[in-house]
Amino acid sequence: MPKELESLICFWKDSLAQHRLLMSPSVIYLVEQTIKSLQTLANLAAGGLFVARLNSGDWMVGKANYIYHLDITQNHYADPNLVIRNTLADAVSQARVKLSGEADE
């Protein structure tokens, strides 16, 4: 995990632990979501993956060292080199499993 991301994750976790009782529920939720997003970003960087948000609102994840040609007239949901899901966490976790499985074959 890159040091900058690790430092940010630790900062937000420590801030949450120290000030949780003084925070409103909405601020607690936002800090927890920030921590979750930073952890997801760290997983992406460690796994050599890229992520992009599609116009449909879905998230697309694939190998960062692969060149993709995306034609908007085609359906890429079944593409063996990509994972497209409606949440970032699902897309990343499934991409890690799917793309690491291809490397083993």
N, C-alpha and C. Protein backbone atom coordinates (compact mmCIF):
# COMPACT_ATOMS: atom_id res chain seq x y z
N MET A 1 0.85 -1.18 0.00
CA MET A 1 0.00 0.00 0.00
C MET A 1 0.89 1.24 0.00
N PRO A 2 0.61 2.18 -0.87
CA PRO A 2 1.39 3.42 -0.89
C PRO A 2 1.32 4.15 0.45
N LYS A 3 2.44 4.74 0.82
CA LYS A 3 2.54 5.42 2.13
C LYS A 3 1.52 6.54 2.28
N GLU A 4 1.28 7.31 1.20
CA GLU A 4 0.34 8.42 1.30
C GLU A 4 -1.08 7.93 1.63
N LEU A 5 -1.49 6.87 0.96
CA LEU A 5 -2.82 6.33 1.23
C LEU A 5 -2.89 5.73 2.63
N GLU A 6 -1.85 5.03 3.02
CA GLU A 6 -1.81 4.45 4.36
C GLU A 6 -1.91 5.55 5.42
N SER A 7 -1.21 6.66 5.21
CA SER A 7 -1.25 7.78 6.15
C SER A 7 -2.64 8.39 6.23
N LEU A 8 -3.29 8.56 5.08
CA LEU A 8 -4.65 9.11 5.07
C LEU A 8 -5.65 8.19 5.77
N ILE A 9 -5.52 6.90 5.53
CA ILE A 9 -6.41 5.94 6.19
C ILE A 9 -6.23 5.99 7.70
N CYS A 10 -4.97 6.00 8.15
CA CYS A 10 -4.69 6.08 9.59
C CYS A 10 -5.22 7.38 10.18
N PHE A 11 -5.05 8.50 9.47
CA PHE A 11 -5.54 9.79 9.95
C PHE A 11 -7.04 9.75 10.18
N TRP A 12 -7.79 9.26 9.17
CA TRP A 12 -9.25 9.26 9.30
C TRP A 12 -9.72 8.27 10.35
N LYS A 13 -9.06 7.12 10.46
CA LYS A 13 -9.43 6.16 11.51
C LYS A 13 -9.16 6.73 12.89
N ASP A 14 -8.02 7.36 13.07
CA ASP A 14 -7.68 7.97 14.36
C ASP A 14 -8.64 9.11 14.70
N SER A 15 -8.95 9.93 13.70
CA SER A 15 -9.89 11.05 13.91
C SER A 15 -11.26 10.52 14.33
N LEU A 16 -11.69 9.48 13.68
CA LEU A 16 -12.98 8.89 14.01
C LEU A 16 -12.98 8.33 15.43
N ALA A 17 -11.91 7.64 15.79
CA ALA A 17 -11.81 7.05 17.13
C ALA A 17 -11.78 8.13 18.22
N GLN A 18 -11.08 9.22 17.98
CA GLN A 18 -10.94 10.27 18.98
C GLN A 18 -12.19 11.15 19.11
N HIS A 19 -12.86 11.41 18.01
CA HIS A 19 -13.94 12.41 18.01
C HIS A 19 -15.32 11.84 17.74
N ARG A 20 -15.46 10.53 17.73
CA ARG A 20 -16.73 9.90 17.38
C ARG A 20 -17.89 10.43 18.22
N LEU A 21 -17.67 10.59 19.52
CA LEU A 21 -18.75 11.02 20.41
C LEU A 21 -19.20 12.46 20.14
N LEU A 22 -18.32 13.25 19.53
CA LEU A 22 -18.64 14.64 19.23
C LEU A 22 -19.21 14.84 17.82
N MET A 23 -19.17 13.80 17.01
CA MET A 23 -19.61 13.90 15.62
C MET A 23 -21.09 13.56 15.48
N SER A 24 -21.72 14.21 14.53
CA SER A 24 -23.11 13.86 14.21
C SER A 24 -23.09 12.54 13.42
N PRO A 25 -24.22 11.83 13.39
CA PRO A 25 -24.27 10.58 12.63
C PRO A 25 -23.91 10.74 11.16
N SER A 26 -24.29 11.86 10.57
CA SER A 26 -23.98 12.06 9.15
C SER A 26 -22.48 12.25 8.93
N VAL A 27 -21.80 12.91 9.85
CA VAL A 27 -20.34 13.08 9.74
C VAL A 27 -19.64 11.74 9.95
N ILE A 28 -20.12 10.96 10.90
CA ILE A 28 -19.55 9.63 11.12
C ILE A 28 -19.68 8.80 9.85
N TYR A 29 -20.85 8.84 9.23
CA TYR A 29 -21.08 8.10 7.99
C TYR A 29 -20.11 8.55 6.90
N LEU A 30 -19.95 9.86 6.73
CA LEU A 30 -19.05 10.39 5.70
C LEU A 30 -17.61 9.98 5.95
N VAL A 31 -17.17 10.01 7.19
CA VAL A 31 -15.79 9.61 7.52
C VAL A 31 -15.62 8.12 7.25
N GLU A 32 -16.59 7.31 7.64
CA GLU A 32 -16.51 5.86 7.37
C GLU A 32 -16.46 5.58 5.88
N GLN A 33 -17.25 6.31 5.08
CA GLN A 33 -17.23 6.13 3.63
C GLN A 33 -15.90 6.59 3.04
N THR A 34 -15.32 7.64 3.60
CA THR A 34 -14.00 8.10 3.15
C THR A 34 -12.95 7.04 3.41
N ILE A 35 -12.99 6.44 4.58
CA ILE A 35 -12.03 5.37 4.91
C ILE A 35 -12.21 4.20 3.95
N LYS A 36 -13.46 3.80 3.71
CA LYS A 36 -13.74 2.68 2.80
C LYS A 36 -13.24 2.99 1.39
N SER A 37 -13.45 4.21 0.92
CA SER A 37 -12.99 4.60 -0.43
C SER A 37 -11.47 4.61 -0.52
N LEU A 38 -10.81 5.10 0.52
CA LEU A 38 -9.34 5.10 0.53
C LEU A 38 -8.79 3.68 0.54
N GLN A 39 -9.43 2.79 1.28
CA GLN A 39 -8.99 1.39 1.30
C GLN A 39 -9.19 0.74 -0.06
N THR A 40 -10.28 1.06 -0.73
CA THR A 40 -10.52 0.54 -2.07
C THR A 40 -9.47 1.05 -3.04
N LEU A 41 -9.15 2.33 -2.94
CA LEU A 41 -8.12 2.92 -3.80
C LEU A 41 -6.77 2.26 -3.55
N ALA A 42 -6.45 1.99 -2.30
CA ALA A 42 -5.19 1.32 -1.97
C ALA A 42 -5.16 -0.09 -2.57
N ASN A 43 -6.30 -0.79 -2.52
CA ASN A 43 -6.37 -2.13 -3.12
C ASN A 43 -6.18 -2.07 -4.63
N LEU A 44 -6.74 -1.04 -5.26
CA LEU A 44 -6.56 -0.87 -6.71
C LEU A 44 -5.09 -0.67 -7.04
N ALA A 45 -4.44 0.21 -6.33
CA ALA A 45 -3.03 0.51 -6.60
C ALA A 45 -2.17 -0.73 -6.38
N ALA A 46 -2.46 -1.47 -5.33
CA ALA A 46 -1.67 -2.67 -5.02
C ALA A 46 -1.89 -3.77 -6.04
N GLY A 47 -3.09 -3.83 -6.61
CA GLY A 47 -3.42 -4.90 -7.55
C GLY A 47 -3.15 -4.58 -9.00
N GLY A 48 -2.67 -3.38 -9.31
CA GLY A 48 -2.41 -3.01 -10.69
C GLY A 48 -3.68 -2.90 -11.52
N LEU A 49 -4.74 -2.38 -10.91
CA LEU A 49 -6.02 -2.26 -11.59
C LEU A 49 -6.35 -0.80 -11.89
N PHE A 50 -7.22 -0.58 -12.86
CA PHE A 50 -7.74 0.76 -13.11
C PHE A 50 -9.24 0.71 -12.85
N VAL A 51 -9.82 1.87 -12.62
CA VAL A 51 -11.25 1.96 -12.40
C VAL A 51 -11.80 3.16 -13.16
N ALA A 52 -13.01 3.02 -13.67
CA ALA A 52 -13.67 4.13 -14.37
C ALA A 52 -15.17 4.04 -14.10
N ARG A 53 -15.78 5.19 -13.97
CA ARG A 53 -17.24 5.26 -13.78
C ARG A 53 -17.89 5.45 -15.15
N LEU A 54 -18.88 4.63 -15.44
CA LEU A 54 -19.57 4.68 -16.72
C LEU A 54 -20.75 5.64 -16.64
N ASN A 55 -21.24 6.07 -17.80
CA ASN A 55 -22.39 6.98 -17.85
C ASN A 55 -23.62 6.37 -17.20
N SER A 56 -23.71 5.05 -17.18
CA SER A 56 -24.85 4.37 -16.57
C SER A 56 -24.80 4.42 -15.05
N GLY A 57 -23.65 4.84 -14.50
CA GLY A 57 -23.48 4.86 -13.05
C GLY A 57 -22.73 3.64 -12.54
N ASP A 58 -22.55 2.64 -13.40
CA ASP A 58 -21.80 1.45 -13.02
C ASP A 58 -20.30 1.74 -12.98
N TRP A 59 -19.56 0.85 -12.34
CA TRP A 59 -18.10 0.97 -12.25
C TRP A 59 -17.46 -0.12 -13.10
N MET A 60 -16.42 0.24 -13.82
CA MET A 60 -15.68 -0.69 -14.66
C MET A 60 -14.27 -0.81 -14.10
N VAL A 61 -13.80 -2.04 -13.92
CA VAL A 61 -12.46 -2.30 -13.40
C VAL A 61 -11.76 -3.28 -14.33
N GLY A 62 -10.48 -3.03 -14.59
CA GLY A 62 -9.69 -3.93 -15.44
C GLY A 62 -8.22 -3.80 -15.09
N LYS A 63 -7.41 -4.55 -15.82
CA LYS A 63 -5.96 -4.49 -15.62
C LYS A 63 -5.42 -3.15 -16.12
N ALA A 64 -4.56 -2.54 -15.34
CA ALA A 64 -4.02 -1.23 -15.71
C ALA A 64 -3.00 -1.34 -16.85
N ASN A 65 -2.42 -2.51 -17.05
CA ASN A 65 -1.39 -2.66 -18.07
C ASN A 65 -1.94 -3.26 -19.37
N TYR A 66 -3.23 -3.19 -19.58
CA TYR A 66 -3.88 -3.75 -20.76
C TYR A 66 -4.53 -2.60 -21.53
N ILE A 67 -4.42 -2.61 -22.86
CA ILE A 67 -5.02 -1.55 -23.67
C ILE A 67 -6.42 -2.01 -24.09
N TYR A 68 -7.41 -1.21 -23.77
CA TYR A 68 -8.80 -1.53 -24.05
C TYR A 68 -9.31 -0.69 -25.21
N HIS A 69 -10.09 -1.33 -26.06
CA HIS A 69 -10.80 -0.61 -27.11
C HIS A 69 -12.28 -0.78 -26.80
N LEU A 70 -12.91 0.29 -26.34
CA LEU A 70 -14.31 0.20 -25.95
C LEU A 70 -15.18 0.88 -27.00
N ASP A 71 -16.04 0.12 -27.56
CA ASP A 71 -17.00 0.62 -28.55
C ASP A 71 -18.33 0.83 -27.84
N ILE A 72 -18.84 2.04 -27.85
CA ILE A 72 -20.06 2.32 -27.10
C ILE A 72 -21.29 1.63 -27.67
N THR A 73 -21.18 1.07 -28.86
CA THR A 73 -22.32 0.38 -29.46
C THR A 73 -22.36 -1.09 -29.04
N GLN A 74 -21.36 -1.55 -28.27
CA GLN A 74 -21.31 -2.95 -27.85
C GLN A 74 -21.49 -3.06 -26.34
N ASN A 75 -21.91 -4.24 -25.94
CA ASN A 75 -22.10 -4.54 -24.53
C ASN A 75 -20.80 -5.14 -23.99
N HIS A 76 -20.17 -4.48 -23.04
CA HIS A 76 -18.90 -4.96 -22.50
C HIS A 76 -19.04 -5.65 -21.15
N TYR A 77 -20.26 -5.90 -20.72
CA TYR A 77 -20.47 -6.54 -19.43
C TYR A 77 -19.92 -7.97 -19.40
N ALA A 78 -19.83 -8.63 -20.54
CA ALA A 78 -19.32 -10.00 -20.60
C ALA A 78 -17.84 -10.05 -21.02
N ASP A 79 -17.19 -8.92 -21.16
CA ASP A 79 -15.78 -8.87 -21.57
C ASP A 79 -14.92 -9.61 -20.55
N PRO A 80 -14.09 -10.55 -21.01
CA PRO A 80 -13.28 -11.34 -20.07
C PRO A 80 -12.19 -10.53 -19.36
N ASN A 81 -11.85 -9.35 -19.87
CA ASN A 81 -10.80 -8.54 -19.26
C ASN A 81 -11.34 -7.43 -18.37
N LEU A 82 -12.65 -7.33 -18.26
CA LEU A 82 -13.27 -6.26 -17.48
C LEU A 82 -14.29 -6.82 -16.51
N VAL A 83 -14.51 -6.08 -15.45
CA VAL A 83 -15.61 -6.37 -14.53
C VAL A 83 -16.41 -5.07 -14.40
N ILE A 84 -17.72 -5.16 -14.60
CA ILE A 84 -18.59 -4.00 -14.50
C ILE A 84 -19.69 -4.33 -13.49
N ARG A 85 -19.77 -3.53 -12.44
CA ARG A 85 -20.76 -3.73 -11.39
C ARG A 85 -21.32 -2.37 -10.96
N ASN A 86 -22.40 -2.40 -10.20
CA ASN A 86 -23.04 -1.15 -9.82
C ASN A 86 -22.39 -0.45 -8.63
N THR A 87 -21.57 -1.14 -7.86
CA THR A 87 -20.85 -0.48 -6.76
C THR A 87 -19.35 -0.67 -6.95
N LEU A 88 -18.60 0.30 -6.51
CA LEU A 88 -17.15 0.26 -6.66
C LEU A 88 -16.55 -0.91 -5.89
N ALA A 89 -16.99 -1.13 -4.68
CA ALA A 89 -16.43 -2.22 -3.86
C ALA A 89 -16.66 -3.57 -4.51
N ASP A 90 -17.87 -3.81 -5.04
CA ASP A 90 -18.17 -5.08 -5.73
C ASP A 90 -17.31 -5.24 -6.98
N ALA A 91 -17.18 -4.18 -7.75
CA ALA A 91 -16.39 -4.25 -8.98
C ALA A 91 -14.94 -4.58 -8.68
N VAL A 92 -14.38 -3.93 -7.68
CA VAL A 92 -12.97 -4.17 -7.34
C VAL A 92 -12.76 -5.58 -6.81
N SER A 93 -13.61 -6.01 -5.89
CA SER A 93 -13.42 -7.34 -5.31
C SER A 93 -13.59 -8.44 -6.37
N GLN A 94 -14.57 -8.29 -7.24
CA GLN A 94 -14.78 -9.30 -8.28
C GLN A 94 -13.69 -9.25 -9.34
N ALA A 95 -13.17 -8.06 -9.63
CA ALA A 95 -12.07 -7.95 -10.59
C ALA A 95 -10.82 -8.62 -10.06
N ARG A 96 -10.55 -8.43 -8.78
CA ARG A 96 -9.36 -9.07 -8.19
C ARG A 96 -9.45 -10.58 -8.32
N VAL A 97 -10.62 -11.13 -8.06
CA VAL A 97 -10.81 -12.59 -8.16
C VAL A 97 -10.72 -13.04 -9.62
N LYS A 98 -11.46 -12.38 -10.48
CA LYS A 98 -11.53 -12.78 -11.90
C LYS A 98 -10.19 -12.62 -12.61
N LEU A 99 -9.55 -11.47 -12.44
CA LEU A 99 -8.31 -11.20 -13.18
C LEU A 99 -7.11 -11.94 -12.59
N SER A 100 -7.12 -12.19 -11.30
CA SER A 100 -6.03 -12.98 -10.73
C SER A 100 -6.20 -14.46 -11.10
N GLY A 101 -7.45 -14.89 -11.29
CA GLY A 101 -7.72 -16.25 -11.73
C GLY A 101 -7.22 -16.51 -13.14
N GLU A 102 -7.30 -15.48 -14.00
CA GLU A 102 -6.78 -15.62 -15.36
C GLU A 102 -5.27 -15.74 -15.37
N ALA A 103 -4.63 -15.08 -14.43
CA ALA A 103 -3.17 -15.13 -14.37
C ALA A 103 -2.69 -16.50 -13.97
N ASP A 104 -3.53 -17.23 -13.17
CA ASP A 104 -3.14 -18.57 -12.71
C ASP A 104 -3.28 -19.62 -13.80
N GLU A 105 -4.15 -19.37 -14.77
CA GLU A 105 -4.41 -20.38 -15.81
C GLU A 105 -3.29 -20.49 -16.80
